């Protein structure tokens, strides 16, 4: 599997992001939500492709020497095949070129697959937000994770 990623800085990619997000998450973001995010300075999208077919994405917000992952998704058929790891590893050099020194994210404590991915790529838990996520009939903590680039 040969995977390549590219970065995009304009809302014109929001349609692709919307379609990928729908296939990755039950509570998908709308095209309008993606367009609104691109109106905010520092929003950057990374698309991961196999044979020019988009299979994953990561949406970042950059601010000075820090960046935050707003959302990240891999199509179900490509999960557990190192696509998420490839996406994050290919993203690091581009973020460093933009002056990013620290990358942050939050993830539900119940999302064990994502936590495993983030730890595998060097993220460390630095904090916790109690009862941050609503999940069906319960709430879960958000783990705040950081990666030094």
Protein backbone atom coordinates (compact mmCIF):
# COMPACT_ATOMS: atom_id res chain seq x y z
CA UNK A 1 0.00 0.00 0.00
CA UNK A 2 1.58 3.28 -1.15
CA UNK A 3 0.11 6.24 0.66
CA UNK A 4 0.80 9.89 -0.04
CA UNK A 5 -0.50 13.00 1.62
CA UNK A 6 -0.93 16.59 0.50
CA UNK A 7 -1.78 19.78 2.38
CA UNK A 8 -4.53 22.22 1.43
CA UNK A 9 -5.07 25.75 2.72
CA UNK A 10 -8.37 26.74 1.13
CA UNK A 11 -12.02 25.85 1.55
CA UNK A 12 -12.18 24.35 -1.96
CA UNK A 13 -11.23 21.01 -0.38
CA UNK A 14 -14.18 21.16 2.05
CA UNK A 15 -16.40 18.97 -0.18
CA UNK A 16 -13.83 16.16 -0.06
CA UNK A 17 -13.47 16.59 3.70
CA UNK A 18 -17.25 16.50 4.15
CA UNK A 19 -17.57 13.23 2.23
CA UNK A 20 -14.67 11.62 4.10
CA UNK A 21 -16.02 12.80 7.46
CA UNK A 22 -19.45 11.27 6.68
CA UNK A 23 -17.85 7.92 5.99
CA UNK A 24 -15.70 8.05 9.14
CA UNK A 25 -18.08 9.37 11.83
CA UNK A 26 -21.72 9.00 12.87
CA UNK A 27 -21.94 12.70 13.76
CA UNK A 28 -20.46 14.09 10.56
CA UNK A 29 -19.57 17.73 10.01
CA UNK A 30 -21.32 19.61 7.22
CA UNK A 31 -19.73 21.31 4.24
CA UNK A 32 -20.72 24.65 5.80
CA UNK A 33 -18.86 23.74 9.00
CA UNK A 34 -15.71 22.91 7.04
CA UNK A 35 -16.03 26.13 5.02
CA UNK A 36 -16.39 28.13 8.24
CA UNK A 37 -13.25 26.52 9.66
CA UNK A 38 -11.29 27.56 6.57
CA UNK A 39 -12.40 31.16 7.18
CA UNK A 40 -10.35 31.02 10.38
CA UNK A 41 -6.66 31.82 9.83
CA UNK A 42 -4.33 28.87 10.26
CA UNK A 43 -6.74 26.11 9.23
CA UNK A 44 -4.95 23.46 7.17
CA UNK A 45 -6.20 20.14 5.78
CA UNK A 46 -4.06 17.13 5.04
CA UNK A 47 -5.54 14.48 2.73
CA UNK A 48 -4.11 10.96 2.61
CA UNK A 49 -4.58 9.11 -0.67
CA UNK A 50 -3.94 5.69 -2.12
CA UNK A 51 -3.71 5.69 -5.92
CA UNK A 52 -5.17 9.23 -5.92
CA UNK A 53 -8.25 8.07 -3.98
CA UNK A 54 -8.71 10.01 -0.70
CA UNK A 55 -8.76 7.55 2.21
CA UNK A 56 -8.10 9.78 5.21
CA UNK A 57 -7.67 13.31 6.43
CA UNK A 58 -6.46 15.48 9.26
CA UNK A 59 -7.64 19.02 9.89
CA UNK A 60 -5.26 21.27 11.83
CA UNK A 61 -5.45 24.75 13.26
CA UNK A 62 -2.04 26.46 13.42
CA UNK A 63 -1.30 29.35 15.75
CA UNK A 64 2.25 30.62 16.10
CA UNK A 65 4.43 27.67 17.21
CA UNK A 66 1.49 25.41 18.15
CA UNK A 67 -1.10 23.44 16.24
CA UNK A 68 -4.19 21.50 17.19
CA UNK A 69 -5.74 18.53 15.43
CA UNK A 70 -9.41 19.46 15.03
CA UNK A 71 -10.47 16.14 13.48
CA UNK A 72 -8.79 13.13 11.95
CA UNK A 73 -10.40 10.22 10.12
CA UNK A 74 -9.48 7.15 8.12
CA UNK A 75 -12.03 5.32 5.96
CA UNK A 76 -13.15 2.10 7.68
CA UNK A 77 -11.67 -0.18 5.00
CA UNK A 78 -8.21 1.33 5.60
CA UNK A 79 -8.15 1.24 9.39
CA UNK A 80 -5.67 -1.04 11.15
CA UNK A 81 -3.40 -0.89 8.10
CA UNK A 82 -1.07 1.92 9.32
CA UNK A 83 -2.91 4.61 7.36
CA UNK A 84 -3.44 6.78 10.44
CA UNK A 85 0.18 6.43 11.44
CA UNK A 86 1.28 7.30 7.89
CA UNK A 87 -0.98 10.36 7.88
CA UNK A 88 0.49 11.70 11.12
CA UNK A 89 4.09 10.87 10.22
CA UNK A 90 3.81 12.51 6.78
CA UNK A 91 2.22 15.58 8.38
CA UNK A 92 5.05 16.29 10.81
CA UNK A 93 7.58 17.75 8.30
CA UNK A 94 4.99 20.14 6.84
CA UNK A 95 4.02 21.34 10.31
CA UNK A 96 7.67 21.85 11.24
CA UNK A 97 8.16 23.90 8.02
CA UNK A 98 5.30 26.10 9.22
CA UNK A 99 7.11 26.69 12.52
CA UNK A 100 5.02 24.33 14.66
CA UNK A 101 6.85 23.02 17.72
CA UNK A 102 3.95 21.42 19.63
CA UNK A 103 0.91 19.58 18.34
CA UNK A 104 -2.16 19.10 20.56
CA UNK A 105 -5.37 17.10 20.36
CA UNK A 106 -8.16 15.84 22.54
CA UNK A 107 -9.65 12.38 22.33
CA UNK A 108 -12.34 10.53 24.25
CA UNK A 109 -10.95 8.17 26.85
CA UNK A 110 -13.24 5.51 25.30
CA UNK A 111 -11.63 5.79 21.84
CA UNK A 112 -8.97 3.17 22.49
CA UNK A 113 -7.95 2.74 18.84
CA UNK A 114 -7.24 6.46 18.48
CA UNK A 115 -5.37 6.61 21.79
CA UNK A 116 -3.21 3.68 20.67
CA UNK A 117 -2.47 5.46 17.36
CA UNK A 118 -1.57 8.73 19.07
CA UNK A 119 0.72 7.06 21.61
CA UNK A 120 2.39 5.06 18.83
CA UNK A 121 3.20 8.29 16.99
CA UNK A 122 4.68 9.96 20.08
CA UNK A 123 1.78 11.83 21.71
CA UNK A 124 1.68 11.95 25.49
CA UNK A 125 -1.28 12.65 27.75
CA UNK A 126 -0.81 15.99 29.52
CA UNK A 127 -4.25 16.69 30.95
CA UNK A 128 -7.86 15.55 31.15
CA UNK A 129 -11.22 17.31 30.77
CA UNK A 130 -13.78 15.60 32.97
CA UNK A 131 -17.07 14.60 31.33
CA UNK A 132 -16.23 16.50 28.12
CA UNK A 133 -17.72 14.14 25.53
CA UNK A 134 -21.35 13.01 25.26
CA UNK A 135 -21.49 9.40 24.16
CA UNK A 136 -24.95 7.87 23.88
CA UNK A 137 -26.32 7.86 27.45
CA UNK A 138 -23.11 8.73 29.26
CA UNK A 139 -20.23 11.17 29.33
CA UNK A 140 -16.53 10.51 29.00
CA UNK A 141 -13.37 12.40 29.77
CA UNK A 142 -11.29 14.02 27.04
CA UNK A 143 -7.62 13.17 27.16
CA UNK A 144 -5.49 16.17 26.16
CA UNK A 145 -2.41 14.94 24.35
CA UNK A 146 0.70 16.71 23.10
CA UNK A 147 3.48 15.88 20.66
CA UNK A 148 6.79 17.79 20.64
CA UNK A 149 7.89 18.16 17.01
